Amino acid sequence: MKVLIVYDSQTGNTGLMAEAVAQGVRDSDIEVV
């Protein structure tokens, strides 16, 4: 399974949350693209 995470961030906070979500997905052995 693959997961695509798309985000837009002006201040960087959303980017930090997207990276946290991506890491959680990777920890579940799912590919993040």
Protein backbone atom coordinates (compact mmCIF):
# COMPACT_ATOMS: atom_id res chain seq x y z
CA MET A 1 0.00 0.00 0.00
CA LYS A 2 1.15 3.54 -0.69
CA VAL A 3 0.03 6.78 0.95
CA LEU A 4 0.39 10.24 -0.57
CA ILE A 5 0.48 13.12 1.88
CA VAL A 6 -0.09 16.53 0.31
CA TYR A 7 0.14 19.73 2.30
CA ASP A 8 0.78 23.45 1.98
CA SER A 9 2.46 25.35 4.77
CA GLN A 10 3.28 29.03 5.09
CA THR A 11 4.78 28.92 8.59
CA GLY A 12 6.10 25.36 8.74
CA ASN A 13 3.70 24.05 11.39
CA THR A 14 1.63 22.08 8.89
CA GLY A 15 4.84 20.67 7.44
CA LEU A 16 5.87 19.43 10.86
CA MET A 17 2.50 17.73 11.32
CA ALA A 18 2.71 16.17 7.85
CA GLU A 19 6.15 14.76 8.68
CA ALA A 20 4.79 13.32 11.94
CA VAL A 21 1.91 11.67 10.08
CA ALA A 22 4.33 10.34 7.46
CA GLN A 23 6.55 8.83 10.14
CA GLY A 24 3.57 7.11 11.74
CA VAL A 25 2.59 5.66 8.37
CA ARG A 26 6.17 4.47 7.74
CA ASP A 27 6.21 2.83 11.18
CA SER A 28 3.23 0.77 10.00
CA ASP A 29 5.31 -0.52 7.05
CA ILE A 30 3.35 1.51 4.50
CA GLU A 31 5.19 3.41 1.78
CA VAL A 32 4.84 7.19 1.79
CA VAL A 33 5.19 8.84 -1.62
